[in-house]
Amino acid sequence: MFDNNALLTTRPGTTDTVQSAVLGDTYSFSANAINALHLTWTRERVNRGGAPNLPSISDLGLNVAPSPGNFPQLSITGFFSTFCGTCSKATVYSGSKQIADDFSLVSGAHQLSIGGEYIHRNLDYHTSTQQDPAYSFSGQITGFALSDFLLGLPSSFTQGNLTQVQTVQDYVGLYAADKIRMNSRISLNLGIRWEPYFPAHDTQGRATHFDLNSYLAGAHTTVFNNAPPGVTFPGDPGFPQGGTNRQLDNFAPRAGIVWDLRGDGHTVLRGGYGILYDFAPMQFYDRFGFGPPWASAITLNNPSGGFGNPYLGYPGGNPFPQPVPPPHNVVFPSAAQYVNFPLYVHPTYLQQWNFNFQQQVGASWLISASYMGNKGTHIWLTTQMDPAVYIPGTCGKNPCSTVANTNSRRVLALLNPVEGAAFSSLVQVDDGGDSSYNAMLLSVNHRMDKHFSVLANYTWSHCIDDGDVQSEITGGYQNPYDRRESRGNCYTDVRQLFNLSLVADGPHFRTGSWLKQIANDWQLSVIATKRTGFWLTPTTGTDSSLTGVGADRPNAIRSATLSNPTIFSWFDTGAFVANPPGTYGNAGRDSIESPGGFNIDAAAMRHIAVTERSYFELRAEAFNVLNHPVFQNPGTTLSSQNFGRILSANDPRILQFALKYVF
């Protein structure tokens, strides 16, 4: 089945080709007027494929649709996983075309700037991500994930059709700014930027929208004959090209002030405020192509046929493969995954402000103290629109709510059991998230003088948000009806951070020919970093809430912080217990701090002259020079045997030597 090289059996092969071109022109109309024009073109192609020696689907005895990836994705909570969606066979094309123009004019006390840019981006790919069958063994059946796997009892099974995405998006940004010198001590910076939002769209019309009122009214699309009610597509009345409407009123003002307090340039106060818009990456929109009637991914919870025959009992049997592109009379599968974009979605924007005090000390030192803050508004999160409803008690001899009957307990199925059977997931973009960040920054800077330079800074900060930003329309917060319940630390909330950069010339010997030859003309550099940890979310690893969301957190019965954590017990694992069936855990999102980091890198470099215009550059570098361990994240899944344990660390000391000839 394979060539006995176990190290390569699940590693994908990737070839990457990147091309780019830049054309620029700077034209001076006069000493006070300059225009800069830039044209940029980029293109990238990535071919990705699995190892050629993998066993086939039929070799494993699985009664599922064959896939080009030829290997199932297995996830055994707390133990191991094989393959992955991003390892699947794929061909990806991406690129952009950009034109930007900037004009600057100095007139009296004003320095005026106007300009703009236009960017056209595209992302095309064909992948077997959904075709490769995916099994999850969470321990939901026997209470132990490995036992579920050995018994062939998956908690969920997912498969789909060939996935194709051909997404394009346009960006336009125009700005005007004026730097005004009010007097010898005060300068103002005023500006405004216009950034309309043009949603990305698939050139082949891969997009869907779901409306609950239309679902309840039994209204059907005119584009596909067999689609469930409530789902519309491009071509239906009122359906915007990108699944959501464009927003043209995105104006972003900025203002800043610089005040030379004494007029000598040694004591300066700065302040500023601005609004910045942010837009989702192209990959965010690709989940439209994953849903029916294109990739038509379906999810079966606790399939009755188990690992070997998951489609046993599925209406009509195995629905794959389906025709590509789908005809108007294509069959829509049951238990399919849908995504939804609101027809009107607000672009994310960030309000940012800062105050900074700078003081020059002597001829070469500069110290500064800053306050920085920002507030994010309309952050795009994702939520499950069709969660399962927990029904307490027993129905006959069995509980009314089980993993196996998740889809039949979903909201749409309870409203209409016949039509609701079409859905196993309905994830929607939620633009209601927000965030806040506040920080103090202290810094010391010594410019290169007397043979050394120093740059050191210390940041003390705190970041809070409603959820971790997703790169795709997947997942969702724990309680679909309460976004604020998931409010907590940002994942990137590094509370304290210290950086030090030092560059120094080595000693210079004037006597002793052998000493001069060996020790002169060296330059030494050191970079040191010390930080606190990132924040992690404890999860149960099972659907204890029985909602089908898959984001359950456990209950916290006490503080999980340990005074002397070890790699075997980074936090108090006994502080967490599984949330009872039908409830949500009270443990906070991003409430476990991961290990901090301490690292020193050092380098020594010397130029050895050969002629007036050529020299050798000799360089020796040491990364993690102290060989200090920087531990990676502990396990945070309650049902995993590695809960609270750290199993890996960053690189040990690495030495690197180089010799370069420059001529």
Foldseek 3Di string as FASTA:
>chain_A
DFDPPVVQQQAKDKDKDKDKDKDKDWDDPDPFKIKIKMKIKMKMKMWIAGDPGYAAPVSVQAPADGFRNRAAWEAQPQPDIGHALVRWGKMKMKMKIKIKMKMWGDDVQKIKIKIKMKMKIKIKMKTQSQARKYFYQLCQPPLASVVCVVVLWTQKIKHFEIFIFIKMAMWMKIKMWMWGDPDLFKIKIKMKMWTKFDAIAGPVFLAKAFDPVQQLVQHDEPQADAAFTRIYTPVGPPQDRHQADIGGPDMKIKMKMWGRPPSPPFKIKIKMKIKFFDDADPLASRCSRCPPPHRNMAMAGRQPVGNRQSQVVAVPGHPDDWDPPHHRHTHRGFRTAAEHEPRYADTKMKMKMKMKIWGDDPDFKIKMKMKIKMKIFQAKDKFWPWWFAQDADPDPPHGPFGSRCGQCRTPSCVSPVVSSRRHNTYMYIGRGKMKMKIKMKIWMWGPCDPFKIKIKMKMAMFMKILDAHDSYRAAHADDRVDSNLQIDGYQPGFGMKMKMKMKGAWDQDDDDVVCNVPGHAKMKMKIKMWTWFGFAAAAASDPQLSTSRRGAHFAFQDFQCDPDADLQANTNLVRTDHDHYNDGYNGHGRPDGFGIDIWMKMKMWGWADDDPFKTKIKMKIKTRNVQDWAFDGFDRHSSHPRHRHTDDTDDGIDIDIDMDMGD
